Amino acid sequence: MVLIDKDYNDKEFVMDEFYFAEDLIPDKKENETEDEIKEDLSHQEKIVIPIKEDECGDKVMVIYIDIYGNEFKEVFQLRE
């Protein structure tokens, strides 16, 4: 799962967008099982999530959550 705060203020995360695993597969097939989704994602070299820059503040925070609940957080500085 991917969670996005498009206007991160360095204090609290306010979710603007979210994507589940099946949303991150570019050529998703209908009625894919959970195992098939995991397999498809494991073969992706990169995952592209388009975000319009004019909808964002100075910073964007992205939280990635794996199937075990582990989180990895990243903050992208768009403007100074």
N, C-alpha and C. Protein backbone atom coordinates (compact mmCIF):
# COMPACT_ATOMS: atom_id res chain seq x y z
N MET A 1 0.84 -1.17 0.00
CA MET A 1 0.00 0.00 0.00
C MET A 1 0.89 1.24 0.00
N VAL A 2 0.44 2.29 -0.65
CA VAL A 2 1.16 3.56 -0.68
C VAL A 2 0.19 4.66 -0.24
N LEU A 3 0.63 5.47 0.72
CA LEU A 3 -0.15 6.60 1.22
C LEU A 3 0.60 7.88 0.87
N ILE A 4 -0.13 8.92 0.47
CA ILE A 4 0.52 10.15 0.03
C ILE A 4 -0.12 11.37 0.70
N ASP A 5 0.74 12.23 1.25
CA ASP A 5 0.34 13.54 1.74
C ASP A 5 0.97 14.55 0.80
N LYS A 6 0.15 15.23 0.01
CA LYS A 6 0.66 16.14 -1.03
C LYS A 6 1.13 17.48 -0.49
N ASP A 7 0.88 17.78 0.77
CA ASP A 7 1.29 19.06 1.35
C ASP A 7 1.78 18.82 2.78
N TYR A 8 2.85 18.05 2.90
CA TYR A 8 3.38 17.66 4.20
C TYR A 8 3.96 18.87 4.93
N ASN A 9 3.61 19.02 6.23
CA ASN A 9 4.03 20.19 7.00
C ASN A 9 5.12 19.90 8.03
N ASP A 10 5.79 18.77 7.92
CA ASP A 10 6.87 18.36 8.83
C ASP A 10 6.37 17.95 10.22
N LYS A 11 5.07 17.96 10.45
CA LYS A 11 4.55 17.60 11.78
C LYS A 11 3.59 16.42 11.72
N GLU A 12 2.51 16.58 10.95
CA GLU A 12 1.54 15.51 10.88
C GLU A 12 1.31 15.09 9.44
N PHE A 13 1.00 13.83 9.29
CA PHE A 13 0.70 13.26 7.98
C PHE A 13 -0.81 13.33 7.76
N VAL A 14 -1.22 13.96 6.67
CA VAL A 14 -2.63 14.04 6.29
C VAL A 14 -2.77 13.37 4.93
N MET A 15 -3.41 12.21 4.92
CA MET A 15 -3.49 11.42 3.70
C MET A 15 -4.39 12.09 2.66
N ASP A 16 -3.83 12.28 1.47
CA ASP A 16 -4.59 12.82 0.34
C ASP A 16 -4.95 11.72 -0.66
N GLU A 17 -4.06 10.77 -0.82
CA GLU A 17 -4.28 9.68 -1.77
C GLU A 17 -3.76 8.37 -1.17
N PHE A 18 -4.33 7.27 -1.63
CA PHE A 18 -3.85 5.95 -1.22
C PHE A 18 -3.98 4.99 -2.39
N TYR A 19 -3.10 4.02 -2.40
CA TYR A 19 -3.09 3.01 -3.46
C TYR A 19 -2.85 1.65 -2.82
N PHE A 20 -3.69 0.69 -3.15
CA PHE A 20 -3.49 -0.68 -2.71
C PHE A 20 -2.62 -1.41 -3.74
N ALA A 21 -2.17 -2.58 -3.39
CA ALA A 21 -1.26 -3.33 -4.27
C ALA A 21 -1.82 -3.48 -5.68
N GLU A 22 -3.08 -3.82 -5.81
CA GLU A 22 -3.66 -4.03 -7.14
C GLU A 22 -3.71 -2.74 -7.96
N ASP A 23 -3.71 -1.57 -7.28
CA ASP A 23 -3.70 -0.28 -7.98
C ASP A 23 -2.34 0.05 -8.56
N LEU A 24 -1.29 -0.64 -8.11
CA LEU A 24 0.08 -0.33 -8.51
C LEU A 24 0.57 -1.17 -9.69
N ILE A 25 -0.28 -2.05 -10.19
CA ILE A 25 0.08 -2.90 -11.32
C ILE A 25 -0.41 -2.25 -12.61
N PRO A 26 0.49 -1.91 -13.53
CA PRO A 26 0.07 -1.20 -14.74
C PRO A 26 -0.83 -2.02 -15.67
N ASP A 27 -0.57 -3.30 -15.82
CA ASP A 27 -1.36 -4.15 -16.72
C ASP A 27 -2.16 -5.16 -15.92
N LYS A 28 -2.96 -4.66 -14.99
CA LYS A 28 -3.73 -5.53 -14.11
C LYS A 28 -4.77 -6.33 -14.90
N LYS A 29 -4.83 -7.62 -14.57
CA LYS A 29 -5.81 -8.50 -15.19
C LYS A 29 -7.04 -8.58 -14.30
N GLU A 30 -8.18 -8.82 -14.90
CA GLU A 30 -9.41 -8.94 -14.12
C GLU A 30 -9.37 -10.18 -13.24
N ASN A 31 -9.95 -10.08 -12.06
CA ASN A 31 -10.09 -11.20 -11.12
C ASN A 31 -8.76 -11.84 -10.72
N GLU A 32 -7.71 -11.04 -10.62
CA GLU A 32 -6.42 -11.57 -10.16
C GLU A 32 -6.51 -11.95 -8.69
N THR A 33 -5.89 -13.05 -8.34
CA THR A 33 -5.85 -13.46 -6.94
C THR A 33 -4.78 -12.65 -6.21
N GLU A 34 -4.82 -12.70 -4.89
CA GLU A 34 -3.82 -11.99 -4.08
C GLU A 34 -2.41 -12.48 -4.40
N ASP A 35 -2.26 -13.79 -4.58
CA ASP A 35 -0.94 -14.35 -4.91
C ASP A 35 -0.45 -13.86 -6.28
N GLU A 36 -1.36 -13.75 -7.24
CA GLU A 36 -0.99 -13.26 -8.57
C GLU A 36 -0.59 -11.79 -8.51
N ILE A 37 -1.27 -11.01 -7.68
CA ILE A 37 -0.93 -9.60 -7.51
C ILE A 37 0.47 -9.48 -6.91
N LYS A 38 0.75 -10.28 -5.88
CA LYS A 38 2.09 -10.27 -5.26
C LYS A 38 3.15 -10.64 -6.28
N GLU A 39 2.88 -11.64 -7.09
CA GLU A 39 3.83 -12.09 -8.12
C GLU A 39 4.07 -10.98 -9.14
N ASP A 40 3.00 -10.34 -9.61
CA ASP A 40 3.14 -9.25 -10.58
C ASP A 40 3.97 -8.11 -10.01
N LEU A 41 3.71 -7.74 -8.76
CA LEU A 41 4.45 -6.64 -8.15
C LEU A 41 5.92 -6.99 -7.95
N SER A 42 6.20 -8.24 -7.65
CA SER A 42 7.59 -8.64 -7.41
C SER A 42 8.44 -8.52 -8.67
N HIS A 43 7.80 -8.52 -9.84
CA HIS A 43 8.53 -8.42 -11.11
C HIS A 43 8.63 -6.99 -11.64
N GLN A 44 8.04 -6.04 -10.95
CA GLN A 44 8.09 -4.64 -11.39
C GLN A 44 9.46 -4.04 -11.06
N GLU A 45 10.12 -3.46 -12.05
CA GLU A 45 11.39 -2.78 -11.80
C GLU A 45 11.15 -1.44 -11.12
N LYS A 46 10.04 -0.79 -11.46
CA LYS A 46 9.67 0.46 -10.82
C LYS A 46 8.15 0.59 -10.86
N ILE A 47 7.66 1.39 -9.94
CA ILE A 47 6.23 1.67 -9.88
C ILE A 47 6.07 3.17 -10.03
N VAL A 48 5.26 3.59 -10.98
CA VAL A 48 5.06 5.01 -11.25
C VAL A 48 3.68 5.42 -10.76
N ILE A 49 3.67 6.44 -9.90
CA ILE A 49 2.42 7.01 -9.42
C ILE A 49 2.43 8.47 -9.84
N PRO A 50 1.63 8.83 -10.84
CA PRO A 50 1.64 10.22 -11.31
C PRO A 50 0.95 11.15 -10.31
N ILE A 51 1.63 12.24 -9.98
CA ILE A 51 1.08 13.26 -9.08
C ILE A 51 1.27 14.60 -9.77
N LYS A 52 0.21 15.38 -9.85
CA LYS A 52 0.30 16.70 -10.47
C LYS A 52 0.99 17.67 -9.52
N GLU A 53 2.06 18.28 -9.99
CA GLU A 53 2.85 19.18 -9.15
C GLU A 53 2.03 20.37 -8.66
N ASP A 54 1.09 20.85 -9.48
CA ASP A 54 0.30 22.01 -9.07
C ASP A 54 -0.70 21.68 -7.96
N GLU A 55 -0.89 20.40 -7.65
CA GLU A 55 -1.75 19.98 -6.55
C GLU A 55 -0.96 19.80 -5.25
N CYS A 56 0.35 20.01 -5.30
CA CYS A 56 1.22 19.74 -4.17
C CYS A 56 1.75 21.02 -3.53
N GLY A 57 2.06 20.90 -2.24
CA GLY A 57 2.72 21.99 -1.53
C GLY A 57 4.22 21.90 -1.73
N ASP A 58 4.96 22.44 -0.78
CA ASP A 58 6.42 22.44 -0.89
C ASP A 58 7.02 21.05 -0.68
N LYS A 59 6.34 20.23 0.14
CA LYS A 59 6.85 18.88 0.42
C LYS A 59 5.74 17.85 0.24
N VAL A 60 6.14 16.67 -0.20
CA VAL A 60 5.24 15.54 -0.34
C VAL A 60 5.81 14.40 0.50
N MET A 61 4.96 13.79 1.32
CA MET A 61 5.41 12.62 2.09
C MET A 61 4.71 11.39 1.55
N VAL A 62 5.50 10.34 1.37
CA VAL A 62 4.98 9.07 0.88
C VAL A 62 5.31 8.00 1.91
N ILE A 63 4.30 7.20 2.26
CA ILE A 63 4.50 6.08 3.18
C ILE A 63 4.20 4.79 2.41
N TYR A 64 5.15 3.89 2.42
CA TYR A 64 5.00 2.58 1.78
C TYR A 64 4.78 1.55 2.89
N ILE A 65 3.79 0.70 2.74
CA ILE A 65 3.49 -0.32 3.75
C ILE A 65 3.46 -1.68 3.05
N ASP A 66 4.28 -2.62 3.57
CA ASP A 66 4.30 -3.94 2.95
C ASP A 66 3.24 -4.85 3.58
N ILE A 67 3.17 -6.08 3.13
CA ILE A 67 2.11 -7.01 3.59
C ILE A 67 2.25 -7.39 5.05
N TYR A 68 3.39 -7.08 5.65
CA TYR A 68 3.61 -7.41 7.06
C TYR A 68 3.37 -6.21 7.97
N GLY A 69 3.02 -5.06 7.39
CA GLY A 69 2.78 -3.85 8.18
C GLY A 69 4.01 -2.99 8.38
N ASN A 70 5.13 -3.37 7.80
CA ASN A 70 6.34 -2.55 7.89
C ASN A 70 6.15 -1.29 7.07
N GLU A 71 6.63 -0.17 7.60
CA GLU A 71 6.49 1.11 6.92
C GLU A 71 7.85 1.69 6.55
N PHE A 72 7.90 2.34 5.41
CA PHE A 72 9.05 3.12 4.99
C PHE A 72 8.52 4.48 4.56
N LYS A 73 9.10 5.55 5.10
CA LYS A 73 8.61 6.89 4.81
C LYS A 73 9.66 7.68 4.04
N GLU A 74 9.17 8.50 3.10
CA GLU A 74 10.04 9.36 2.31
C GLU A 74 9.40 10.73 2.19
N VAL A 75 10.20 11.77 2.29
CA VAL A 75 9.73 13.13 2.09
C VAL A 75 10.46 13.71 0.87
N PHE A 76 9.68 14.23 -0.07
CA PHE A 76 10.24 14.83 -1.26
C PHE A 76 10.07 16.34 -1.18
N GLN A 77 11.17 17.07 -1.28
CA GLN A 77 11.16 18.53 -1.28
C GLN A 77 10.94 19.00 -2.72
N LEU A 78 9.80 19.60 -2.99
CA LEU A 78 9.51 20.07 -4.36
C LEU A 78 9.94 21.50 -4.59
N ARG A 79 9.77 22.32 -3.55
CA ARG A 79 10.12 23.74 -3.65
C ARG A 79 10.76 24.17 -2.33
N GLU A 80 11.54 25.24 -2.38
CA GLU A 80 12.17 25.74 -1.15
C GLU A 80 11.47 26.97 -0.65
